[in-house]
Structure formats: structure tokens, C-alpha cells
Protein backbone atom coordinates (compact mmCIF):
# COMPACT_ATOMS: atom_id res chain seq x y z
CA MET A 1 -2.13 -4.63 25.24
CA THR A 2 -0.36 -5.82 22.39
CA HIS A 3 -1.74 -9.10 21.13
CA PRO A 4 0.26 -11.62 19.55
CA THR A 5 -1.87 -12.28 16.89
CA HIS A 6 1.05 -12.02 13.67
CA HIS A 7 3.01 -14.62 15.41
CA LEU A 8 -0.10 -17.58 16.43
CA PRO A 9 0.55 -19.09 12.93
CA ALA A 10 4.10 -20.07 14.28
CA TYR A 11 3.17 -20.82 17.72
CA ALA A 12 0.54 -23.21 16.64
CA ALA A 13 3.61 -24.88 14.22
CA GLY A 14 5.94 -25.08 16.98
CA HIS A 15 8.45 -22.36 14.98
CA LEU A 16 8.57 -20.25 17.83
CA THR A 17 12.01 -20.21 19.88
CA ALA A 18 11.12 -21.15 23.79
CA ASP A 19 11.35 -17.34 25.19
CA ASP A 20 8.66 -16.55 22.17
CA ALA A 21 6.27 -19.15 22.78
CA ALA A 22 6.23 -18.81 26.32
CA ALA A 23 5.51 -15.30 26.59
CA VAL A 24 2.41 -16.01 24.23
CA THR A 25 1.27 -18.91 26.42
CA ALA A 26 1.23 -16.02 28.88
CA HIS A 27 -0.60 -13.97 26.84
CA LEU A 28 -3.32 -16.92 26.03
CA ALA A 29 -3.90 -17.39 29.72
CA GLY A 30 -5.29 -14.20 30.00
CA CYS A 31 -6.85 -13.19 26.66
CA PRO A 32 -9.62 -15.18 25.85
CA ALA A 33 -9.96 -13.86 22.36
CA CYS A 34 -6.19 -14.41 21.36
CA ALA A 35 -6.77 -18.53 22.97
CA THR A 36 -9.14 -18.61 20.60
CA GLN A 37 -7.36 -17.89 17.43
CA ALA A 38 -4.73 -19.49 18.65
CA ARG A 39 -6.67 -22.77 18.75
CA ALA A 40 -7.97 -22.38 15.34
CA TRP A 41 -4.32 -22.37 14.68
CA HIS A 42 -3.72 -25.16 16.15
CA ARG A 43 -6.42 -27.35 14.42
CA THR A 44 -5.61 -25.46 11.35
CA ALA A 45 -1.75 -26.88 11.80
CA THR A 46 -2.55 -30.79 13.03
CA ALA A 47 -4.76 -30.99 9.65
CA VAL A 48 -1.86 -29.78 7.73
CA GLN A 49 0.65 -32.43 9.28
CA ASP A 50 -1.81 -34.93 9.30
CA ASP A 51 -2.66 -34.21 5.58
CA THR A 52 1.18 -34.51 4.69
CA ALA A 53 1.71 -37.02 6.54
CA ARG A 54 -0.30 -39.19 4.06
CA VAL A 55 1.95 -38.41 1.38
CA ALA A 56 4.12 -41.00 -0.08
CA PRO A 57 7.64 -38.73 -0.09
CA PRO A 58 9.05 -38.03 -3.47
CA ALA A 59 11.80 -40.23 -5.50
CA PRO A 60 15.18 -40.05 -4.31
CA ASP A 61 16.28 -38.79 -7.80
CA LEU A 62 13.51 -36.37 -8.24
CA PHE A 63 15.51 -33.14 -6.93
CA ALA A 64 18.30 -34.33 -9.13
CA ALA A 65 16.14 -34.67 -11.68
CA ILE A 66 15.15 -30.75 -11.34
CA ARG A 67 18.87 -29.55 -10.99
CA ARG A 68 19.50 -31.37 -14.40
CA ARG A 69 17.38 -29.70 -15.99
CA LEU A 70 17.96 -26.18 -14.78
CA THR A 71 21.44 -26.52 -14.99
CA THR A 72 22.75 -23.72 -17.77
CA THR A 73 23.01 -24.26 -21.31
CA PRO A 74 24.56 -21.66 -24.01
CA ASP A 75 22.56 -19.16 -25.52
CA PRO A 76 21.94 -19.91 -29.29
CA SER A 77 22.96 -16.13 -29.90
CA GLY A 78 26.23 -16.92 -27.80
CA ALA A 79 25.64 -13.16 -25.31
CA ARG A 80 24.83 -15.25 -22.33
CA PRO A 81 23.91 -18.39 -20.89
CA VAL A 82 20.54 -19.05 -19.97
CA PRO A 83 18.72 -22.00 -17.24
CA ALA A 84 17.51 -24.73 -19.77
CA TYR A 85 14.18 -25.52 -20.34
CA VAL A 86 12.81 -22.59 -18.25
CA PRO A 87 10.50 -19.86 -20.21
CA ALA A 88 11.88 -16.84 -21.17
CA TYR A 89 9.75 -14.53 -22.84
CA ARG A 90 11.36 -13.50 -26.35
CA GLY A 91 9.05 -11.62 -28.37
CA ASP A 92 10.34 -8.88 -30.50
CA LEU A 93 8.76 -5.92 -28.72
CA GLY A 94 9.77 -3.78 -31.93
CA THR A 95 7.42 -5.35 -33.94
CA ARG A 96 3.81 -3.54 -33.14
CA PRO A 97 5.45 -0.33 -31.40
CA LEU A 98 1.65 1.67 -31.42
CA HIS A 99 -0.31 -0.86 -30.73
CA ARG A 100 2.17 -1.79 -27.41
CA ALA A 101 2.38 1.63 -26.35
CA LEU A 102 -1.65 2.12 -26.46
CA GLY A 103 -2.07 -0.89 -24.86
CA ILE A 104 0.15 -0.05 -21.83
CA LEU A 105 -1.36 3.52 -21.75
CA THR A 106 -5.29 2.10 -21.98
CA ARG A 107 -4.13 -0.19 -19.72
CA GLN A 108 -3.54 1.87 -16.62
CA ARG A 109 -6.84 3.31 -16.68
CA THR A 110 -7.58 -0.07 -14.19
CA LEU A 111 -4.97 0.33 -12.30
CA ILE A 112 -6.51 3.68 -11.36
CA ARG A 113 -8.17 4.09 -8.17
CA TRP A 114 -12.11 5.85 -8.61
CA PRO A 115 -11.55 8.53 -5.72
CA VAL A 116 -8.45 10.41 -8.34
CA TRP A 117 -11.41 10.40 -11.15
CA THR A 118 -14.13 11.50 -9.33
CA LEU A 119 -11.90 14.22 -7.46
CA ALA A 120 -10.94 15.64 -10.77
CA ALA A 121 -14.40 15.64 -12.23
CA ALA A 122 -15.80 17.02 -8.89
CA LEU A 123 -13.50 19.97 -8.82
CA ILE A 124 -13.81 20.40 -13.00
CA ALA A 125 -17.48 20.90 -12.44
CA GLY A 126 -17.57 22.93 -9.60
CA GLY A 127 -15.27 25.28 -11.37
CA ALA A 128 -17.39 25.45 -14.83
CA ILE A 129 -20.69 25.86 -12.96
CA LEU A 130 -18.72 28.63 -10.77
CA ALA A 131 -17.47 30.27 -13.41
CA ALA A 132 -20.98 30.42 -15.56
CA LEU A 133 -22.18 32.07 -12.14
CA ALA A 134 -19.14 34.29 -11.82
CA PRO A 135 -19.68 38.36 -13.01
CA THR A 136 -18.41 38.78 -16.87
CA GLY A 137 -14.87 38.80 -16.61
CA HIS A 138 -13.79 36.14 -13.79
CA ALA A 139 -14.78 33.21 -15.52
CA ALA A 140 -11.23 32.49 -16.35
CA GLN A 141 -9.67 33.57 -13.34
CA ILE A 142 -12.15 30.36 -11.39
CA LEU A 143 -11.09 27.99 -14.34
CA ALA A 144 -7.31 28.54 -14.09
CA MET A 145 -7.48 28.33 -9.80
CA THR A 146 -9.71 24.38 -10.47
CA VAL A 147 -8.43 22.71 -13.53
CA PRO A 148 -4.67 22.88 -12.45
CA LEU A 149 -5.77 22.00 -9.02
CA ALA A 150 -7.22 19.07 -10.30
CA ALA A 151 -4.91 17.86 -12.31
CA ALA A 152 -1.95 17.96 -9.58
CA LEU A 153 -4.29 15.96 -7.30
CA ALA A 154 -5.37 13.52 -9.69
CA VAL A 155 -1.87 13.16 -10.32
CA ALA A 156 -0.83 12.63 -6.85
CA GLY A 157 -3.55 10.04 -7.02
CA ALA A 158 -2.57 8.27 -9.85
CA CYS A 159 1.35 8.48 -9.47
CA GLY A 160 2.49 8.59 -5.86
CA THR A 161 5.24 5.86 -4.42
CA ASP A 162 2.98 2.78 -3.06
CA ASN A 163 -0.16 3.35 -5.22
CA ASP A 164 0.23 0.95 -7.44
CA PRO A 165 -0.58 -2.41 -5.91
CA PRO A 166 0.67 -4.82 -9.28
CA ALA A 167 4.01 -2.91 -8.99
CA GLU A 168 5.93 -5.97 -8.67
CA LEU A 169 4.22 -7.77 -11.14
CA ALA A 170 4.66 -5.10 -13.31
CA ALA A 171 8.32 -4.66 -12.87
CA THR A 172 8.86 -8.62 -13.88
CA LEU A 173 7.72 -7.61 -16.92
CA PRO A 174 9.69 -6.03 -20.21
CA THR A 175 8.09 -3.05 -19.80
CA PRO A 176 10.92 -0.85 -18.06
CA PRO A 177 9.20 1.30 -14.55
CA ARG A 178 9.79 4.42 -16.15
CA VAL A 179 7.36 3.58 -19.03
CA VAL A 180 4.63 2.47 -17.46
CA LEU A 181 5.14 5.73 -14.77
CA LEU A 182 4.89 8.13 -17.93
CA ALA A 183 1.78 6.23 -19.50
CA ARG A 184 0.02 6.31 -16.32
CA LEU A 185 1.21 10.08 -16.30
CA THR A 186 -0.01 10.80 -19.67
CA LEU A 187 -3.71 8.95 -19.17
CA VAL A 188 -3.76 11.52 -15.98
CA LEU A 189 -3.19 14.87 -17.75
CA THR A 190 -4.93 13.61 -20.92
CA ALA A 191 -8.20 13.28 -18.90
CA THR A 192 -7.53 15.92 -16.80
CA VAL A 193 -7.21 18.23 -20.20
CA THR A 194 -9.60 16.91 -22.26
CA ALA A 195 -12.36 17.51 -19.10
CA GLY A 196 -11.26 20.65 -19.21
CA LEU A 197 -11.72 21.45 -22.60
CA LEU A 198 -15.28 19.92 -22.45
CA ALA A 199 -16.35 22.52 -19.54
CA THR A 200 -14.38 25.30 -21.18
CA LEU A 201 -16.38 24.61 -24.83
CA ALA A 202 -19.36 24.58 -22.26
CA LEU A 203 -18.81 27.53 -20.42
CA SER A 204 -18.17 29.77 -23.32
CA ALA A 205 -21.53 28.13 -25.41
CA LEU A 206 -23.58 29.18 -22.67
CA THR A 207 -21.80 32.34 -21.32
CA SER A 208 -20.29 35.57 -22.78
CA GLY A 209 -17.50 35.48 -20.75
CA GLY A 210 -14.90 35.45 -23.69
CA GLY A 211 -13.78 33.45 -25.74
CA ALA A 212 -12.88 29.89 -26.04
CA ALA A 213 -9.49 30.09 -26.23
CA GLY A 214 -8.55 32.95 -23.84
CA LEU A 215 -10.42 30.46 -21.17
CA VAL A 216 -8.12 27.56 -22.14
CA THR A 217 -5.35 29.90 -22.27
CA ALA A 218 -6.43 30.72 -18.48
CA TRP A 219 -5.88 26.73 -17.28
CA PHE A 220 -3.10 25.30 -19.17
CA GLY A 221 -0.77 27.46 -18.11
CA PRO A 222 -0.29 26.67 -14.25
CA LEU A 223 -1.88 23.35 -15.20
CA VAL A 224 1.88 22.16 -15.95
CA PRO A 225 4.09 23.81 -13.57
CA LEU A 226 1.93 22.87 -10.88
CA SER A 227 1.60 19.40 -12.18
CA ALA A 228 5.09 18.62 -12.29
CA THR A 229 5.68 19.94 -9.22
CA SER A 230 2.87 17.46 -7.61
CA PHE A 231 4.26 14.66 -9.75
CA ALA A 232 7.69 14.91 -8.46
CA LEU A 233 7.15 15.39 -4.74
CA SER A 234 4.63 11.90 -4.99
CA VAL A 235 7.27 9.57 -6.70
CA LEU A 236 10.26 10.92 -5.45
CA TYR A 237 9.25 10.94 -2.01
CA ARG A 238 5.11 10.25 -1.23
CA PRO A 239 1.61 11.43 -2.48
CA SER A 240 0.96 13.27 0.64
CA ALA A 241 3.59 16.12 -0.07
CA GLY A 242 2.29 16.08 -3.54
CA VAL A 243 -0.87 16.62 -2.12
CA THR A 244 0.07 18.99 0.45
CA THR A 245 2.40 21.47 -1.50
CA ALA A 246 -0.53 21.75 -4.71
CA LEU A 247 -2.96 22.77 -2.27
CA ALA A 248 -0.28 25.14 -0.24
CA LEU A 249 0.49 26.82 -4.09
CA TRP A 250 -3.42 27.02 -4.54
CA LEU A 251 -4.45 28.56 -1.69
CA ALA A 252 -1.39 31.30 -2.04
CA ARG A 253 -2.79 32.40 -4.93
CA ALA A 254 -6.49 31.78 -3.88
CA LEU A 255 -5.62 34.55 -0.87
CA PRO A 256 -6.16 37.83 -2.12
CA THR A 257 -2.93 39.55 -2.82
CA GLY A 258 -1.73 43.00 -1.90
CA GLN A 259 -2.96 42.88 1.51
CA THR A 260 0.16 40.85 3.13
CA PRO A 261 -0.81 41.72 6.95
CA ALA A 262 -4.08 40.31 6.21
CA THR A 263 -2.92 36.82 4.64
CA GLY A 264 0.24 36.89 6.44
CA LEU A 265 1.95 36.38 3.12
CA SER A 266 5.23 38.24 2.57
CA PRO A 267 5.84 39.49 -1.06
CA ALA A 268 8.62 37.48 -1.69
CA VAL A 269 6.67 34.84 -1.26
CA LEU A 270 4.08 35.96 -4.25
CA ARG A 271 6.54 36.58 -6.22
CA LEU A 272 7.84 32.88 -5.92
CA VAL A 273 4.21 30.97 -6.57
CA ASP A 274 2.42 34.20 -9.52
CA PRO A 275 5.21 32.62 -11.85
CA LEU A 276 3.52 28.88 -11.98
CA TRP A 277 -0.15 30.40 -12.30
CA ALA A 278 1.37 32.26 -15.36
CA PRO A 279 4.24 30.08 -16.35
CA GLY A 280 6.44 31.99 -19.05
CA PRO A 281 9.03 29.32 -21.45
CA ALA A 282 11.52 29.21 -18.69
CA VAL A 283 8.92 27.66 -16.30
CA LEU A 284 7.55 25.44 -18.46
CA THR A 285 11.25 24.27 -19.47
CA ALA A 286 12.22 23.99 -15.51
CA ALA A 287 8.32 21.72 -15.40
CA ALA A 288 9.45 19.58 -17.96
CA ALA A 289 12.66 19.34 -16.73
CA LEU A 290 11.66 18.10 -13.21
CA VAL A 291 9.31 15.04 -14.94
CA ALA A 292 12.28 14.06 -16.87
CA ALA A 293 14.07 14.47 -13.93
CA THR A 294 11.83 12.21 -11.40
CA LEU A 295 11.22 9.20 -14.85
CA LEU A 296 14.90 9.07 -14.94
CA LEU A 297 15.38 8.75 -11.02
CA SER A 298 12.04 7.06 -10.17
CA PRO A 299 13.74 2.99 -11.11
CA ARG A 300 16.46 3.39 -8.85
CA LEU A 301 14.55 4.33 -5.86
CA PRO A 302 13.28 1.64 -2.98
CA ARG A 303 9.35 0.53 -3.40
CA SER A 304 8.74 -0.28 -0.02
CA ARG A 305 10.05 3.29 1.98
CA HIS A 306 6.65 3.51 2.34
CA THR A 307 2.93 2.16 3.42
CA GLY A 308 -0.30 2.54 2.75
CA HIS A 309 -2.55 4.83 0.00
CA ILE A 310 -4.70 8.27 0.35
CA TRP A 311 -7.04 7.31 -2.07
CA ARG A 312 -8.32 4.19 -0.35
């Protein structure tokens, strides 16, 4: 049974149509819970109406005065008319560009949910521990499987569509939406890469499985295309698509290659996946182009196509 909860305020205030009001009345007759809510809304509506009735009506010329103050007047520069007496941002955005860029970047930290950081840190820490316990020569492979996955999932959780509660407020500010999105991506990747570097340095100091440069190269290469793919799908479609694709690519790489009958992966699929985990110049260039195209298209997307967050 569907409860008309969202209709109860309008029902109590008498704003529903006759048909809708009759339907709600019939439902309340057999639903004590909704009837209790309706009585509460009715008490609220009565109190508001009583308080409103005690407020003196405004002077007749009040609205005329407001309209006069809001009429447009020529802009001092002659560029276009602007409303008179209406505050507008007129600061010089180029006075301290580096300071402003740093402020935009650092403030993204408060808008990224804590599960994003927790998951990325857990994956990188777990990968470092497994690499330290693995036989000699396998540390690079393990880091190459964990750090890029952590980055891709963090990008999807932080940069995905509708993962930004203050997006409507940010749209009214002078900072372009794509700049905010680029700052978010930069912050997430910087934090992930820094964590990967720290884990790599600790691993190379504790083990003799290879130099730090070789370990970093093993995971930084696949991090770029995997994060770019997750970023594009999360922004242009939805975060779940970025997460699913990142996990699918990870599984395709994690499954033992060369055993096609056992894994069910065709050689054609393996040929598509392998370049992502050992990217050359063409793959890295394509990843950069994908990020640039996503940033270019992101302000043109409707903001209300999807609802809900995957990192609640």
C-alpha cells in the first residue's frame, strides 16, 4: 500500500485538488499512522494561518518600491545592463591565481566522503602487505594490481555524477564547474599516488624484491588509463559504471592468462586488457584525451539524471 505522505502538508493546508483530497481522506480512514501525521500537519497549518493573520499587511507602495530598485541601469563599463542595488561579485579573479587555485584544490577535501579515502588506503596498505609477504619477484605484480584499482575506485567515488551535494551552490560561483571537477580529480590522484609512493618506499626498504623505481613504474603505468576510464564513465554516466568497469578490468587482469578454457576469456579480450596494464605512449595519450573530453563535456550534462550516492 502506498501512503500519501508527501501529500499530507498540502492536504492539511487545503491546497489539493478535490479528487486528490478525496483520495487522501479515504486513505486516512483506514490508516491510523497517516491519520496521525495528517493531524500534526493540520495543527501546523492552523498555527501558521493564525500567525499570518496577526501580521499587518505591507504598505501598498512597498512592492512598487522594490520594483523600482530592481530595474536595470546601464553598466558603468557599457557592456550590458545590470540590476541596480543588487550585489554582484566584482572581484578580480586573476589577482592571486596560484592562491585561488590552491584554495579550490584544498577545499575539495571536505567534500569527498570518508569511505573514498578509507577504501583507497585499505587497498594500498593491503597490497603493500601482500607484496611484502609474496615470494621474491612478485611485489611489482601485486602493487600493479592494487594501487591502480584503488585510484580508479577513489576517482569514481569522488568525481561521479551527483556525488557533489553542494553542486547547485558551486554552479552560482565564478569558478567554472570543470575547474572544480579538475581540482577534485587532481586531489584524489595526488593523494592516491602519494600513498602508493609511501607504500613502495616502505616496501623497498623492508624487502629486497627490487628497487623503488621499478615498483613505481609497475603500478603508475596502469593507474593512468584505469583512472581515466573510471573518471569518464563516472562523470558522463554514473559512478556505478566507473566502479563496475574498473573491477571488470581488474578481474580480467587478475585471472590467469594463457588458460582461456578455465577463465572463459577469449584471446581477443586479453589483447584489449593487456595494454591497459602495460601502457605505451598511445594508451597514455588516449587516457589524457579521454580526461580532457570528459572535462569539456561535463558542464553540458544535466545534473538531475541520477539520484543517490554509492559512498553513503
